[in-house]
Amino acid sequence: MSEKIEFKMLDYECIDKDVVTFRLEDGALVKIKVDIDRAGVATNYKNSDGTPHYLVNASIKVKIIPNNKTFIIEKKQIKPSNTPYT
């Protein structure tokens, strides 16, 4: 039987910029956002030095905006609207 470590889920807030933006040589922008998916602190386990043991799952989202700010989609991806714009 394996030992199980229990975690208390922790809420979080972004206290600094959550997006870093780079401009590429061709003028395109690359925006990188780091986000926490889940964070917790162990309630029944400590690190070997006695400090709390944390578990953090993070994700990185990359968005590229071309210099001309255009994109292409297939016509079939557009859903027909029942309400015409006037």
PDB file of N, CA and C in Angstrom:
ATOM      1  N   MET A   1       0.845  -1.178   0.000  1.00  0.00           N
ATOM      2  CA  MET A   1       0.000   0.000   0.000  1.00  0.00           C
ATOM      3  C   MET A   1       0.895   1.248   0.000  1.00  0.00           C
ATOM      4  N   SER A   2       0.632   2.162  -0.892  1.00  0.00           N
ATOM      5  CA  SER A   2       1.471   3.349  -0.981  1.00  0.00           C
ATOM      6  C   SER A   2       0.998   4.428  -0.014  1.00  0.00           C
ATOM      7  N   GLU A   3       1.964   5.219   0.448  1.00  0.00           N
ATOM      8  CA  GLU A   3       1.615   6.356   1.299  1.00  0.00           C
ATOM      9  C   GLU A   3       1.043   7.457   0.426  1.00  0.00           C
ATOM     10  N   LYS A   4       0.063   8.155   0.958  1.00  0.00           N
ATOM     11  CA  LYS A   4      -0.544   9.241   0.199  1.00  0.00           C
ATOM     12  C   LYS A   4      -0.276  10.555   0.914  1.00  0.00           C
ATOM     13  N   ILE A   5      -0.004  11.575   0.112  1.00  0.00           N
ATOM     14  CA  ILE A   5       0.207  12.916   0.654  1.00  0.00           C
ATOM     15  C   ILE A   5      -1.031  13.734   0.342  1.00  0.00           C
ATOM     16  N   GLU A   6      -1.582  14.356   1.351  1.00  0.00           N
ATOM     17  CA  GLU A   6      -2.779  15.180   1.189  1.00  0.00           C
ATOM     18  C   GLU A   6      -2.366  16.640   1.048  1.00  0.00           C
ATOM     19  N   PHE A   7      -3.032  17.349   0.143  1.00  0.00           N
ATOM     20  CA  PHE A   7      -2.725  18.757  -0.095  1.00  0.00           C
ATOM     21  C   PHE A   7      -3.948  19.619   0.174  1.00  0.00           C
ATOM     22  N   LYS A   8      -3.703  20.790   0.728  1.00  0.00           N
ATOM     23  CA  LYS A   8      -4.734  21.809   0.863  1.00  0.00           C
ATOM     24  C   LYS A   8      -4.594  22.707  -0.353  1.00  0.00           C
ATOM     25  N   MET A   9      -5.686  22.872  -1.109  1.00  0.00           N
ATOM     26  CA  MET A   9      -5.637  23.721  -2.297  1.00  0.00           C
ATOM     27  C   MET A   9      -5.488  25.172  -1.869  1.00  0.00           C
ATOM     28  N   LEU A  10      -4.629  25.899  -2.573  1.00  0.00           N
ATOM     29  CA  LEU A  10      -4.372  27.296  -2.275  1.00  0.00           C
ATOM     30  C   LEU A  10      -4.903  28.170  -3.401  1.00  0.00           C
ATOM     31  N   ASP A  11      -5.536  29.283  -3.048  1.00  0.00           N
ATOM     32  CA  ASP A  11      -5.942  30.269  -4.037  1.00  0.00           C
ATOM     33  C   ASP A  11      -4.726  31.122  -4.353  1.00  0.00           C
ATOM     34  N   TYR A  12      -4.746  31.843  -5.440  1.00  0.00           N
ATOM     35  CA  TYR A  12      -3.590  32.651  -5.818  1.00  0.00           C
ATOM     36  C   TYR A  12      -4.049  33.895  -6.560  1.00  0.00           C
ATOM     37  N   GLU A  13      -3.163  34.868  -6.644  1.00  0.00           N
ATOM     38  CA  GLU A  13      -3.407  36.070  -7.427  1.00  0.00           C
ATOM     39  C   GLU A  13      -2.114  36.461  -8.125  1.00  0.00           C
ATOM     40  N   CYS A  14      -2.240  37.037  -9.282  1.00  0.00           N
ATOM     41  CA  CYS A  14      -1.087  37.508 -10.028  1.00  0.00           C
ATOM     42  C   CYS A  14      -0.706  38.878  -9.474  1.00  0.00           C
ATOM     43  N   ILE A  15       0.515  39.018  -8.973  1.00  0.00           N
ATOM     44  CA  ILE A  15       0.929  40.288  -8.378  1.00  0.00           C
ATOM     45  C   ILE A  15       1.867  41.083  -9.276  1.00  0.00           C
ATOM     46  N   ASP A  16       2.183  40.539 -10.417  1.00  0.00           N
ATOM     47  CA  ASP A  16       3.027  41.222 -11.385  1.00  0.00           C
ATOM     48  C   ASP A  16       2.439  40.944 -12.760  1.00  0.00           C
ATOM     49  N   LYS A  17       3.059  41.392 -13.796  1.00  0.00           N
ATOM     50  CA  LYS A  17       2.558  41.148 -15.148  1.00  0.00           C
ATOM     51  C   LYS A  17       2.432  39.652 -15.397  1.00  0.00           C
ATOM     52  N   ASP A  18       1.310  39.253 -15.992  1.00  0.00           N
ATOM     53  CA  ASP A  18       1.137  37.840 -16.299  1.00  0.00           C
ATOM     54  C   ASP A  18       1.433  37.528 -17.768  1.00  0.00           C
ATOM     55  N   VAL A  19       1.771  38.578 -18.555  1.00  0.00           N
ATOM     56  CA  VAL A  19       2.104  38.376 -19.968  1.00  0.00           C
ATOM     57  C   VAL A  19       3.425  39.074 -20.269  1.00  0.00           C
ATOM     58  N   VAL A  20       4.310  38.375 -20.961  1.00  0.00           N
ATOM     59  CA  VAL A  20       5.557  38.956 -21.439  1.00  0.00           C
ATOM     60  C   VAL A  20       5.438  39.014 -22.956  1.00  0.00           C
ATOM     61  N   THR A  21       5.738  40.182 -23.533  1.00  0.00           N
ATOM     62  CA  THR A  21       5.584  40.371 -24.972  1.00  0.00           C
ATOM     63  C   THR A  21       6.945  40.637 -25.608  1.00  0.00           C
ATOM     64  N   PHE A  22       7.198  39.946 -26.715  1.00  0.00           N
ATOM     65  CA  PHE A  22       8.423  40.115 -27.484  1.00  0.00           C
ATOM     66  C   PHE A  22       8.048  40.562 -28.886  1.00  0.00           C
ATOM     67  N   ARG A  23       8.864  41.427 -29.501  1.00  0.00           N
ATOM     68  CA  ARG A  23       8.674  41.798 -30.899  1.00  0.00           C
ATOM     69  C   ARG A  23       9.778  41.106 -31.698  1.00  0.00           C
ATOM     70  N   LEU A  24       9.378  40.335 -32.712  1.00  0.00           N
ATOM     71  CA  LEU A  24      10.336  39.646 -33.569  1.00  0.00           C
ATOM     72  C   LEU A  24      10.841  40.585 -34.645  1.00  0.00           C
ATOM     73  N   GLU A  25      11.910  40.189 -35.275  1.00  0.00           N
ATOM     74  CA  GLU A  25      12.550  41.001 -36.310  1.00  0.00           C
ATOM     75  C   GLU A  25      11.596  41.407 -37.429  1.00  0.00           C
ATOM     76  N   ASP A  26      10.630  40.527 -37.752  1.00  0.00           N
ATOM     77  CA  ASP A  26       9.690  40.838 -38.837  1.00  0.00           C
ATOM     78  C   ASP A  26       8.482  41.642 -38.353  1.00  0.00           C
ATOM     79  N   GLY A  27       8.497  42.077 -37.109  1.00  0.00           N
ATOM     80  CA  GLY A  27       7.413  42.892 -36.561  1.00  0.00           C
ATOM     81  C   GLY A  27       6.330  42.110 -35.855  1.00  0.00           C
ATOM     82  N   ALA A  28       6.361  40.790 -35.953  1.00  0.00           N
ATOM     83  CA  ALA A  28       5.358  39.971 -35.268  1.00  0.00           C
ATOM     84  C   ALA A  28       5.546  40.085 -33.754  1.00  0.00           C
ATOM     85  N   LEU A  29       4.419  39.977 -33.034  1.00  0.00           N
ATOM     86  CA  LEU A  29       4.473  39.979 -31.572  1.00  0.00           C
ATOM     87  C   LEU A  29       4.284  38.567 -31.061  1.00  0.00           C
ATOM     88  N   VAL A  30       5.058  38.205 -30.062  1.00  0.00           N
ATOM     89  CA  VAL A  30       4.900  36.921 -29.386  1.00  0.00           C
ATOM     90  C   VAL A  30       4.551  37.246 -27.940  1.00  0.00           C
ATOM     91  N   LYS A  31       3.349  36.820 -27.530  1.00  0.00           N
ATOM     92  CA  LYS A  31       2.897  37.056 -26.162  1.00  0.00           C
ATOM     93  C   LYS A  31       2.900  35.723 -25.426  1.00  0.00           C
ATOM     94  N   ILE A  32       3.567  35.702 -24.284  1.00  0.00           N
ATOM     95  CA  ILE A  32       3.667  34.489 -23.487  1.00  0.00           C
ATOM     96  C   ILE A  32       3.036  34.750 -22.133  1.00  0.00           C
ATOM     97  N   LYS A  33       2.051  33.922 -21.789  1.00  0.00           N
ATOM     98  CA  LYS A  33       1.348  34.060 -20.521  1.00  0.00           C
ATOM     99  C   LYS A  33       1.588  32.808 -19.683  1.00  0.00           C
ATOM    100  N   VAL A  34       1.978  33.022 -18.456  1.00  0.00           N
ATOM    101  CA  VAL A  34       2.172  31.928 -17.519  1.00  0.00           C
ATOM    102  C   VAL A  34       1.015  31.967 -16.530  1.00  0.00           C
ATOM    103  N   ASP A  35       0.404  30.816 -16.294  1.00  0.00           N
ATOM    104  CA  ASP A  35      -0.732  30.761 -15.385  1.00  0.00           C
ATOM    105  C   ASP A  35      -0.589  29.549 -14.468  1.00  0.00           C
ATOM    106  N   ILE A  36      -1.130  29.667 -13.280  1.00  0.00           N
ATOM    107  CA  ILE A  36      -1.155  28.543 -12.348  1.00  0.00           C
ATOM    108  C   ILE A  36      -2.481  27.818 -12.542  1.00  0.00           C
ATOM    109  N   ASP A  37      -2.406  26.518 -12.784  1.00  0.00           N
ATOM    110  CA  ASP A  37      -3.610  25.705 -12.915  1.00  0.00           C
ATOM    111  C   ASP A  37      -4.099  25.238 -11.549  1.00  0.00           C
ATOM    112  N   ARG A  38      -3.141  24.879 -10.678  1.00  0.00           N
ATOM    113  CA  ARG A  38      -3.497  24.416  -9.336  1.00  0.00           C
ATOM    114  C   ARG A  38      -2.281  24.564  -8.439  1.00  0.00           C
ATOM    115  N   ALA A  39      -2.521  24.966  -7.215  1.00  0.00           N
ATOM    116  CA  ALA A  39      -1.446  25.079  -6.230  1.00  0.00           C
ATOM    117  C   ALA A  39      -1.928  24.497  -4.909  1.00  0.00           C
ATOM    118  N   GLY A  40      -1.023  23.846  -4.206  1.00  0.00           N
ATOM    119  CA  GLY A  40      -1.394  23.269  -2.913  1.00  0.00           C
ATOM    120  C   GLY A  40      -0.186  23.117  -2.021  1.00  0.00           C
ATOM    121  N   VAL A  41      -0.466  22.988  -0.736  1.00  0.00           N
ATOM    122  CA  VAL A  41       0.575  22.732   0.255  1.00  0.00           C
ATOM    123  C   VAL A  41       0.201  21.445   0.983  1.00  0.00           C
ATOM    124  N   ALA A  42       1.179  20.588   1.182  1.00  0.00           N
ATOM    125  CA  ALA A  42       0.931  19.299   1.833  1.00  0.00           C
ATOM    126  C   ALA A  42       0.532  19.518   3.287  1.00  0.00           C
ATOM    127  N   THR A  43      -0.495  18.794   3.718  1.00  0.00           N
ATOM    128  CA  THR A  43      -0.965  18.912   5.105  1.00  0.00           C
ATOM    129  C   THR A  43      -0.397  17.818   6.008  1.00  0.00           C
ATOM    130  N   ASN A  44       0.091  16.741   5.414  1.00  0.00           N
ATOM    131  CA  ASN A  44       0.605  15.625   6.207  1.00  0.00           C
ATOM    132  C   ASN A  44       2.018  15.217   5.793  1.00  0.00           C
ATOM    133  N   TYR A  45       2.765  16.184   5.264  1.00  0.00           N
ATOM    134  CA  TYR A  45       4.129  15.899   4.812  1.00  0.00           C
ATOM    135  C   TYR A  45       4.923  17.198   4.810  1.00  0.00           C
ATOM    136  N   LYS A  46       6.186  17.135   5.195  1.00  0.00           N
ATOM    137  CA  LYS A  46       7.116  18.275   5.158  1.00  0.00           C
ATOM    138  C   LYS A  46       8.360  17.844   4.386  1.00  0.00           C
ATOM    139  N   ASN A  47       9.091  18.813   3.829  1.00  0.00           N
ATOM    140  CA  ASN A  47      10.375  18.531   3.206  1.00  0.00           C
ATOM    141  C   ASN A  47      11.348  18.066   4.276  1.00  0.00           C
ATOM    142  N   SER A  48      12.445  17.468   3.860  1.00  0.00           N
ATOM    143  CA  SER A  48      13.409  16.923   4.817  1.00  0.00           C
ATOM    144  C   SER A  48      13.994  17.982   5.749  1.00  0.00           C
ATOM    145  N   ASP A  49      13.986  19.254   5.330  1.00  0.00           N
ATOM    146  CA  ASP A  49      14.496  20.323   6.198  1.00  0.00           C
ATOM    147  C   ASP A  49      13.402  20.944   7.062  1.00  0.00           C
ATOM    148  N   GLY A  50      12.186  20.376   7.008  1.00  0.00           N
ATOM    149  CA  GLY A  50      11.089  20.852   7.844  1.00  0.00           C
ATOM    150  C   GLY A  50      10.219  21.927   7.210  1.00  0.00           C
ATOM    151  N   THR A  51      10.567  22.374   6.014  1.00  0.00           N
ATOM    152  CA  THR A  51       9.766  23.410   5.354  1.00  0.00           C
ATOM    153  C   THR A  51       8.535  22.791   4.693  1.00  0.00           C
ATOM    154  N   PRO A  52       7.508  23.592   4.454  1.00  0.00           N
ATOM    155  CA  PRO A  52       6.304  23.066   3.800  1.00  0.00           C
ATOM    156  C   PRO A  52       6.606  22.550   2.395  1.00  0.00           C
ATOM    157  N   HIS A  53       5.855  21.548   1.981  1.00  0.00           N
ATOM    158  CA  HIS A  53       6.011  20.959   0.653  1.00  0.00           C
ATOM    159  C   HIS A  53       4.872  21.463  -0.226  1.00  0.00           C
ATOM    160  N   TYR A  54       5.211  22.182  -1.298  1.00  0.00           N
ATOM    161  CA  TYR A  54       4.223  22.744  -2.215  1.00  0.00           C
ATOM    162  C   TYR A  54       4.187  21.963  -3.509  1.00  0.00           C
ATOM    163  N   LEU A  55       3.023  21.941  -4.117  1.00  0.00           N
ATOM    164  CA  LEU A  55       2.843  21.353  -5.441  1.00  0.00           C
ATOM    165  C   LEU A  55       2.138  22.396  -6.297  1.00  0.00           C
ATOM    166  N   VAL A  56       2.761  22.795  -7.409  1.00  0.00           N
ATOM    167  CA  VAL A  56       2.197  23.815  -8.288  1.00  0.00           C
ATOM    168  C   VAL A  56       2.189  23.273  -9.710  1.00  0.00           C
ATOM    169  N   ASN A  57       0.996  23.285 -10.331  1.00  0.00           N
ATOM    170  CA  ASN A  57       0.857  22.932 -11.741  1.00  0.00           C
ATOM    171  C   ASN A  57       0.660  24.226 -12.513  1.00  0.00           C
ATOM    172  N   ALA A  58       1.532  24.468 -13.492  1.00  0.00           N
ATOM    173  CA  ALA A  58       1.475  25.708 -14.263  1.00  0.00           C
ATOM    174  C   ALA A  58       1.342  25.396 -15.746  1.00  0.00           C
ATOM    175  N   SER A  59       0.841  26.379 -16.497  1.00  0.00           N
ATOM    176  CA  SER A  59       0.742  26.230 -17.950  1.00  0.00           C
ATOM    177  C   SER A  59       1.279  27.493 -18.613  1.00  0.00           C
ATOM    178  N   ILE A  60       1.756  27.313 -19.819  1.00  0.00           N
ATOM    179  CA  ILE A  60       2.277  28.426 -20.609  1.00  0.00           C
ATOM    180  C   ILE A  60       1.437  28.520 -21.876  1.00  0.00           C
ATOM    181  N   LYS A  61       0.941  29.725 -22.148  1.00  0.00           N
ATOM    182  CA  LYS A  61       0.153  29.958 -23.353  1.00  0.00           C
ATOM    183  C   LYS A  61       0.935  30.915 -24.240  1.00  0.00           C
ATOM    184  N   VAL A  62       1.107  30.540 -25.516  1.00  0.00           N
ATOM    185  CA  VAL A  62       1.857  31.359 -26.469  1.00  0.00           C
ATOM    186  C   VAL A  62       0.896  31.857 -27.538  1.00  0.00           C
ATOM    187  N   LYS A  63       0.902  33.172 -27.760  1.00  0.00           N
ATOM    188  CA  LYS A  63       0.050  33.791 -28.777  1.00  0.00           C
ATOM    189  C   LYS A  63       0.957  34.580 -29.708  1.00  0.00           C
ATOM    190  N   ILE A  64       0.854  34.316 -30.999  1.00  0.00           N
ATOM    191  CA  ILE A  64       1.663  35.025 -31.989  1.00  0.00           C
ATOM    192  C   ILE A  64       0.744  35.901 -32.824  1.00  0.00           C
ATOM    193  N   ILE A  65       1.058  37.182 -32.886  1.00  0.00           N
ATOM    194  CA  ILE A  65       0.280  38.139 -33.670  1.00  0.00           C
ATOM    195  C   ILE A  65       1.168  38.618 -34.808  1.00  0.00           C
ATOM    196  N   PRO A  66       0.832  38.234 -36.059  1.00  0.00           N
ATOM    197  CA  PRO A  66       1.667  38.638 -37.183  1.00  0.00           C
ATOM    198  C   PRO A  66       1.662  40.160 -37.358  1.00  0.00           C
ATOM    199  N   ASN A  67       2.705  40.670 -37.995  1.00  0.00           N
ATOM    200  CA  ASN A  67       2.861  42.103 -38.197  1.00  0.00           C
ATOM    201  C   ASN A  67       1.650  42.725 -38.892  1.00  0.00           C
ATOM    202  N   ASN A  68       1.060  42.018 -39.868  1.00  0.00           N
ATOM    203  CA  ASN A  68      -0.086  42.571 -40.596  1.00  0.00           C
ATOM    204  C   ASN A  68      -1.418  42.297 -39.902  1.00  0.00           C
ATOM    205  N   LYS A  69      -1.387  41.609 -38.791  1.00  0.00           N
ATOM    206  CA  LYS A  69      -2.565  41.305 -37.968  1.00  0.00           C
ATOM    207  C   LYS A  69      -3.705  40.669 -38.761  1.00  0.00           C
ATOM    208  N   THR A  70      -3.374  39.783 -39.681  1.00  0.00           N
ATOM    209  CA  THR A  70      -4.398  39.079 -40.447  1.00  0.00           C
ATOM    210  C   THR A  70      -4.297  37.582 -40.181  1.00  0.00           C
ATOM    211  N   PHE A  71      -5.417  36.879 -40.415  1.00  0.00           N
ATOM    212  CA  PHE A  71      -5.409  35.425 -40.339  1.00  0.00           C
ATOM    213  C   PHE A  71      -6.447  34.890 -41.306  1.00  0.00           C
ATOM    214  N   ILE A  72      -6.378  33.614 -41.600  1.00  0.00           N
ATOM    215  CA  ILE A  72      -7.245  32.980 -42.587  1.00  0.00           C
ATOM    216  C   ILE A  72      -7.931  31.788 -41.935  1.00  0.00           C
ATOM    217  N   ILE A  73      -9.237  31.630 -42.220  1.00  0.00           N
ATOM    218  CA  ILE A  73      -9.963  30.435 -41.813  1.00  0.00           C
ATOM    219  C   ILE A  73     -10.743  29.914 -43.015  1.00  0.00           C
ATOM    220  N   GLU A  74     -11.127  28.657 -42.962  1.00  0.00           N
ATOM    221  CA  GLU A  74     -11.942  28.069 -44.018  1.00  0.00           C
ATOM    222  C   GLU A  74     -13.359  28.627 -43.931  1.00  0.00           C
ATOM    223  N   LYS A  75     -13.989  28.849 -45.076  1.00  0.00           N
ATOM    224  CA  LYS A  75     -15.341  29.380 -45.118  1.00  0.00           C
ATOM    225  C   LYS A  75     -16.314  28.479 -44.345  1.00  0.00           C
ATOM    226  N   LYS A  76     -16.078  27.164 -44.371  1.00  0.00           N
ATOM    227  CA  LYS A  76     -16.981  26.224 -43.704  1.00  0.00           C
ATOM    228  C   LYS A  76     -16.943  26.369 -42.177  1.00  0.00           C
ATOM    229  N   GLN A  77     -15.936  27.070 -41.639  1.00  0.00           N
ATOM    230  CA  GLN A  77     -15.844  27.274 -40.197  1.00  0.00           C
ATOM    231  C   GLN A  77     -16.771  28.382 -39.699  1.00  0.00           C
ATOM    232  N   ILE A  78     -17.312  29.173 -40.629  1.00  0.00           N
ATOM    233  CA  ILE A  78     -18.202  30.270 -40.245  1.00  0.00           C
ATOM    234  C   ILE A  78     -19.623  29.745 -40.191  1.00  0.00           C
ATOM    235  N   LYS A  79     -20.280  29.936 -39.033  1.00  0.00           N
ATOM    236  CA  LYS A  79     -21.659  29.498 -38.882  1.00  0.00           C
ATOM    237  C   LYS A  79     -22.580  30.572 -39.450  1.00  0.00           C
ATOM    238  N   PRO A  80     -23.566  30.154 -40.249  1.00  0.00           N
ATOM    239  CA  PRO A  80     -24.474  31.149 -40.811  1.00  0.00           C
ATOM    240  C   PRO A  80     -25.287  31.836 -39.711  1.00  0.00           C
ATOM    241  N   SER A  81     -25.516  33.111 -39.895  1.00  0.00           N
ATOM    242  CA  SER A  81     -26.282  33.889 -38.935  1.00  0.00           C
ATOM    243  C   SER A  81     -27.721  33.996 -39.390  1.00  0.00           C
ATOM    244  N   ASN A  82     -28.680  33.872 -38.473  1.00  0.00           N
ATOM    245  CA  ASN A  82     -30.087  34.024 -38.805  1.00  0.00           C
ATOM    246  C   ASN A  82     -30.493  35.497 -38.832  1.00  0.00           C
ATOM    247  N   THR A  83     -29.670  36.342 -38.226  1.00  0.00           N
ATOM    248  CA  THR A  83     -29.975  37.762 -38.143  1.00  0.00           C
ATOM    249  C   THR A  83     -29.005  38.535 -39.019  1.00  0.00           C
ATOM    250  N   PRO A  84     -29.506  39.094 -40.148  1.00  0.00           N
ATOM    251  CA  PRO A  84     -28.592  39.888 -40.989  1.00  0.00           C
ATOM    252  C   PRO A  84     -28.257  41.218 -40.326  1.00  0.00           C
ATOM    253  N   TYR A  85     -27.045  41.668 -40.556  1.00  0.00           N
ATOM    254  CA  TYR A  85     -26.627  42.968 -40.039  1.00  0.00           C
ATOM    255  C   TYR A  85     -27.116  44.056 -40.983  1.00  0.00           C
ATOM    256  N   THR A  86     -27.607  45.130 -40.440  1.00  0.00           N
ATOM    257  CA  THR A  86     -28.066  46.235 -41.284  1.00  0.00           C
ATOM    258  C   THR A  86     -27.370  47.510 -40.918  1.00  0.00           C
TER     259      THR A  86
END
